[in-house]
């Protein structure tokens, strides 16, 4: 009886957490819909003169051009329209430095991922983009391990795109990469995800916020990317339900029983 009660309490807690997350996502989508209807995302479309790339702009009296700032200068700006997005909306960004010191950015967009190079002066150059694997979604996240970018999205059935950023090194003009032929691999052990966590030291990717209908129940979904062309999953942590974000480290503290072990700190809705 006691075990059944514990299970019922756990189930009720999980359902309550799911309801809260669904409600928050619905509120965000409603807000974005209202902004879209008001034309906010057309501010920098291809017919708008304000769309043009912005160069270095100093922070003066709390503003760098139209952007608020505090002792930080604006070095460069590209709109999502300039970076090939038809939806002209973005969500996240990550970076990679090549072995010869060149710096690149992977820019999350509603309908895919754009790639830019940042030169020594901080100027941005658009290089190309990788479309979404399925449909558009306001949520997309990416992390980089050893030159490969791992891309997840809340888009249904998206999975984990694995793309070799070294493909950017020899581009001479912007390119739209193929989701059929330019991916190193597509991991489909899960469909949608809310966030992607990387642990470079262990060559591990963790997808969090995956579907609660899967056995992992939205928990920490592990993907071993020691071989990026053949990703595998050692398993997942489902006991505490939905995980929103995480950080994984190798323990190097005073407790000998955990020394050298990988430990993940999970950030959940209700714990």
Protein backbone atom coordinates (compact mmCIF):
# COMPACT_ATOMS: atom_id res chain seq x y z
CA UNK A 1 0.00 0.00 0.00
CA UNK A 2 2.81 2.40 0.95
CA UNK A 3 4.64 1.76 -2.34
CA UNK A 4 1.42 2.31 -4.33
CA UNK A 5 0.88 5.62 -2.52
CA UNK A 6 4.43 6.74 -3.30
CA UNK A 7 3.94 5.86 -6.97
CA UNK A 8 0.65 7.75 -7.09
CA UNK A 9 2.22 10.82 -5.49
CA UNK A 10 5.12 10.64 -7.95
CA UNK A 11 2.75 10.32 -10.89
CA UNK A 12 0.65 13.26 -9.69
CA UNK A 13 3.79 15.39 -9.29
CA UNK A 14 4.98 14.47 -12.79
CA UNK A 15 1.59 15.31 -14.32
CA UNK A 16 1.51 18.64 -12.45
CA UNK A 17 4.99 19.49 -13.74
CA UNK A 18 3.94 18.60 -17.28
CA UNK A 19 0.89 20.85 -16.99
CA UNK A 20 3.08 23.75 -15.81
CA UNK A 21 5.56 23.32 -18.66
CA UNK A 22 2.81 23.01 -21.26
CA UNK A 23 1.15 26.15 -19.90
CA UNK A 24 4.41 28.15 -20.00
CA UNK A 25 5.15 27.06 -23.57
CA UNK A 26 1.62 27.98 -24.65
CA UNK A 27 2.05 31.44 -23.09
CA UNK A 28 5.29 31.98 -24.97
CA UNK A 29 3.79 30.86 -28.27
CA UNK A 30 0.81 33.20 -27.74
CA UNK A 31 3.20 36.11 -27.06
CA UNK A 32 5.28 35.36 -30.15
CA UNK A 33 2.11 35.06 -32.25
CA UNK A 34 1.04 38.54 -31.13
CA UNK A 35 4.48 39.96 -31.96
CA UNK A 36 4.37 38.26 -35.35
CA UNK A 37 0.93 39.69 -36.07
CA UNK A 38 2.22 43.16 -35.15
CA UNK A 39 5.04 42.80 -37.70
CA UNK A 40 7.86 42.66 -35.15
CA UNK A 41 9.63 39.85 -37.00
CA UNK A 42 9.46 41.70 -40.33
CA UNK A 43 11.56 44.52 -38.96
CA UNK A 44 14.60 43.28 -40.83
CA UNK A 45 13.07 41.57 -43.85
CA UNK A 46 14.73 41.74 -47.26
CA UNK A 47 12.66 44.75 -48.36
CA UNK A 48 13.45 46.83 -45.31
CA UNK A 49 16.33 49.30 -45.49
CA UNK A 50 17.05 48.69 -41.80
CA UNK A 51 17.89 45.09 -42.63
CA UNK A 52 21.39 46.03 -43.80
CA UNK A 53 24.27 44.61 -41.78
CA UNK A 54 25.39 46.85 -38.92
CA UNK A 55 29.08 47.56 -38.31
CA UNK A 56 30.89 48.58 -35.12
CA UNK A 57 28.68 50.78 -32.95
CA UNK A 58 29.94 52.10 -29.60
CA UNK A 59 27.86 51.97 -26.45
CA UNK A 60 26.86 55.58 -25.71
CA UNK A 61 24.44 56.60 -22.96
CA UNK A 62 23.20 53.03 -22.59
CA UNK A 63 22.60 52.45 -26.31
CA UNK A 64 24.61 50.87 -29.13
CA UNK A 65 22.46 51.85 -32.06
CA UNK A 66 18.96 50.65 -31.12
CA UNK A 67 20.20 48.11 -28.56
CA UNK A 68 20.52 48.66 -24.83
CA UNK A 69 24.07 48.22 -23.51
CA UNK A 70 26.29 48.73 -20.48
CA UNK A 71 29.99 49.19 -21.28
CA UNK A 72 29.69 46.70 -24.19
CA UNK A 73 30.04 47.85 -27.80
CA UNK A 74 28.14 46.35 -30.73
CA UNK A 75 30.67 44.98 -33.22
CA UNK A 76 28.42 43.48 -35.88
CA UNK A 77 24.83 42.51 -36.62
CA UNK A 78 23.12 40.24 -39.16
CA UNK A 79 19.37 39.72 -39.37
CA UNK A 80 17.92 36.23 -39.64
CA UNK A 81 16.67 37.18 -43.11
CA UNK A 82 20.27 37.86 -44.12
CA UNK A 83 21.16 34.44 -42.73
CA UNK A 84 18.74 32.66 -45.03
CA UNK A 85 15.77 32.14 -42.71
CA UNK A 86 12.32 32.36 -44.28
CA UNK A 87 10.69 32.72 -40.85
CA UNK A 88 13.20 35.43 -39.81
CA UNK A 89 13.13 34.21 -36.21
CA UNK A 90 15.89 32.79 -34.00
CA UNK A 91 16.40 31.14 -30.64
CA UNK A 92 19.92 30.11 -29.62
CA UNK A 93 23.60 30.30 -30.56
CA UNK A 94 26.80 28.32 -29.98
CA UNK A 95 30.36 28.57 -31.28
CA UNK A 96 33.40 26.67 -32.52
CA UNK A 97 37.05 27.65 -32.95
CA UNK A 98 38.90 25.75 -35.69
CA UNK A 99 42.42 24.38 -35.08
CA UNK A 100 43.90 27.37 -36.96
CA UNK A 101 42.04 29.87 -34.76
CA UNK A 102 39.10 30.84 -36.99
CA UNK A 103 35.88 31.45 -35.08
CA UNK A 104 32.44 30.28 -36.20
CA UNK A 105 28.92 30.54 -34.85
CA UNK A 106 25.97 28.17 -35.17
CA UNK A 107 22.82 30.28 -34.96
CA UNK A 108 19.54 28.57 -34.11
CA UNK A 109 16.55 29.63 -36.17
CA UNK A 110 12.91 28.59 -36.24
CA UNK A 111 13.47 26.82 -39.57
CA UNK A 112 17.05 25.59 -39.23
CA UNK A 113 20.59 26.52 -38.19
CA UNK A 114 22.66 29.28 -39.80
CA UNK A 115 26.46 29.38 -39.81
CA UNK A 116 28.59 32.53 -39.58
CA UNK A 117 32.28 33.36 -39.28
CA UNK A 118 33.48 36.03 -36.89
CA UNK A 119 36.66 37.77 -38.08
CA UNK A 120 39.38 39.27 -35.88
CA UNK A 121 37.59 42.62 -35.84
CA UNK A 122 34.34 41.00 -34.73
CA UNK A 123 32.52 41.32 -38.07
CA UNK A 124 30.05 38.60 -39.03
CA UNK A 125 30.02 36.80 -42.38
CA UNK A 126 27.13 34.53 -43.32
CA UNK A 127 28.39 31.16 -44.63
CA UNK A 128 25.29 29.00 -45.06
CA UNK A 129 22.63 27.07 -43.24
CA UNK A 130 21.28 23.62 -42.41
CA UNK A 131 17.47 23.36 -42.61
CA UNK A 132 15.37 21.85 -39.84
CA UNK A 133 15.08 18.07 -40.07
CA UNK A 134 11.28 18.10 -40.05
CA UNK A 135 9.20 21.23 -39.41
CA UNK A 136 9.77 24.67 -37.93
CA UNK A 137 9.80 25.22 -34.17
CA UNK A 138 10.48 28.22 -31.89
CA UNK A 139 12.87 26.01 -29.90
CA UNK A 140 16.21 24.77 -31.25
CA UNK A 141 19.43 24.13 -29.36
CA UNK A 142 22.94 23.15 -30.37
CA UNK A 143 26.27 22.25 -28.78
CA UNK A 144 29.73 21.48 -30.27
CA UNK A 145 32.17 18.68 -29.46
CA UNK A 146 35.41 18.31 -31.45
CA UNK A 147 34.14 20.32 -34.41
CA UNK A 148 30.79 18.55 -34.72
CA UNK A 149 27.64 20.49 -33.91
CA UNK A 150 24.76 18.53 -32.37
CA UNK A 151 21.35 20.07 -33.04
CA UNK A 152 18.04 19.26 -31.38
CA UNK A 153 14.63 20.92 -31.59
CA UNK A 154 11.12 20.84 -30.18
CA UNK A 155 10.02 20.10 -33.78
CA UNK A 156 8.18 16.77 -33.86
CA UNK A 157 10.34 13.85 -35.02
CA UNK A 158 13.45 16.03 -35.39
CA UNK A 159 16.00 13.81 -33.66
CA UNK A 160 19.64 14.88 -33.27
CA UNK A 161 21.36 16.35 -36.33
CA UNK A 162 25.14 15.81 -36.37
CA UNK A 163 27.00 18.19 -38.69
CA UNK A 164 30.76 18.57 -39.23
CA UNK A 165 31.56 22.29 -38.96
CA UNK A 166 34.83 21.70 -40.83
CA UNK A 167 32.64 21.82 -43.97
CA UNK A 168 32.59 25.59 -43.40
CA UNK A 169 36.36 26.03 -43.74
CA UNK A 170 36.50 25.95 -47.55
CA UNK A 171 33.24 27.68 -48.50
CA UNK A 172 33.60 30.53 -51.00
CA UNK A 173 29.89 31.47 -51.12
CA UNK A 174 26.84 30.81 -48.90
CA UNK A 175 25.54 27.26 -49.12
CA UNK A 176 22.33 25.59 -48.00
CA UNK A 177 23.42 22.17 -46.78
CA UNK A 178 21.32 19.08 -47.42
CA UNK A 179 19.71 17.23 -44.51
CA UNK A 180 19.92 14.11 -46.70
CA UNK A 181 23.58 14.18 -47.78
CA UNK A 182 25.52 16.67 -45.64
CA UNK A 183 24.88 15.29 -42.16
CA UNK A 184 27.52 13.12 -40.54
CA UNK A 185 24.65 11.25 -38.90
CA UNK A 186 21.08 11.66 -37.72
CA UNK A 187 20.34 10.11 -34.35
CA UNK A 188 16.66 9.20 -34.10
CA UNK A 189 16.50 7.55 -30.68
CA UNK A 190 14.28 10.45 -29.64
CA UNK A 191 12.18 12.91 -31.64
CA UNK A 192 11.75 16.33 -30.09
CA UNK A 193 13.98 17.80 -27.38
CA UNK A 194 14.04 21.09 -25.51
CA UNK A 195 17.76 21.44 -24.89
CA UNK A 196 21.08 19.81 -25.75
CA UNK A 197 23.83 19.42 -23.14
CA UNK A 198 27.45 18.61 -24.05
CA UNK A 199 30.20 17.04 -21.93
CA UNK A 200 33.28 17.37 -24.11
CA UNK A 201 35.59 15.53 -21.71
CA UNK A 202 33.52 12.34 -22.08
CA UNK A 203 32.28 12.77 -25.68
CA UNK A 204 28.73 12.69 -24.39
CA UNK A 205 25.62 14.54 -25.52
CA UNK A 206 22.56 14.70 -23.27
CA UNK A 207 19.16 15.56 -24.69
CA UNK A 208 16.75 16.95 -22.12
CA UNK A 209 13.07 17.75 -22.38
CA UNK A 210 12.38 14.93 -24.82
CA UNK A 211 8.85 13.54 -25.15
CA UNK A 212 7.28 12.36 -21.91
CA UNK A 213 5.68 9.54 -23.88
CA UNK A 214 9.06 7.86 -24.39
CA UNK A 215 10.51 5.46 -21.78
CA UNK A 216 12.87 8.25 -20.67
CA UNK A 217 9.83 10.40 -19.71
CA UNK A 218 11.62 13.63 -20.65
CA UNK A 219 14.58 12.86 -18.39
CA UNK A 220 18.32 12.92 -19.09
CA UNK A 221 18.73 11.09 -22.44
CA UNK A 222 22.34 9.96 -22.96
CA UNK A 223 24.03 9.82 -26.39
CA UNK A 224 27.62 8.61 -26.73
CA UNK A 225 29.25 10.50 -29.62
CA UNK A 226 32.74 9.01 -29.35
CA UNK A 227 32.12 8.11 -33.00
CA UNK A 228 29.97 10.97 -34.38
CA UNK A 229 29.05 8.88 -37.42
CA UNK A 230 27.60 6.15 -35.21
CA UNK A 231 26.05 7.66 -32.08
CA UNK A 232 24.69 5.25 -29.48
CA UNK A 233 22.72 5.62 -26.26
CA UNK A 234 23.97 4.07 -23.00
CA UNK A 235 20.56 4.78 -21.48
CA UNK A 236 18.68 7.53 -19.70
CA UNK A 237 17.63 8.78 -16.27
CA UNK A 238 13.85 8.80 -16.04
CA UNK A 239 13.26 8.48 -12.29
CA UNK A 240 12.61 12.18 -11.69
CA UNK A 241 10.72 12.90 -14.89
CA UNK A 242 11.19 15.95 -17.09
CA UNK A 243 14.62 17.65 -17.07
CA UNK A 244 14.85 21.20 -18.41
CA UNK A 245 18.65 21.65 -18.36
CA UNK A 246 21.76 19.95 -17.01
CA UNK A 247 25.49 20.25 -16.46
CA UNK A 248 27.78 17.22 -16.42
CA UNK A 249 31.30 17.12 -14.93
CA UNK A 250 33.94 14.62 -13.86
CA UNK A 251 34.10 14.62 -10.07
CA UNK A 252 37.45 15.70 -8.61
CA UNK A 253 36.58 16.34 -4.98
CA UNK A 254 37.29 14.91 -1.52
CA UNK A 255 34.84 11.96 -1.64
CA UNK A 256 37.00 9.06 -2.87
CA UNK A 257 34.09 6.83 -3.91
CA UNK A 258 33.09 9.32 -6.63
CA UNK A 259 36.57 10.39 -7.74
CA UNK A 260 36.82 10.32 -11.54
CA UNK A 261 33.11 9.55 -11.94
CA UNK A 262 30.85 11.55 -14.23
CA UNK A 263 28.19 13.47 -12.33
CA UNK A 264 25.27 15.33 -13.90
CA UNK A 265 23.38 18.13 -12.18
CA UNK A 266 19.82 18.13 -13.52
CA UNK A 267 17.60 21.20 -13.40
CA UNK A 268 13.99 20.04 -13.16
CA UNK A 269 10.60 21.68 -12.94
CA UNK A 270 9.66 20.45 -9.51
CA UNK A 271 12.81 19.31 -7.67
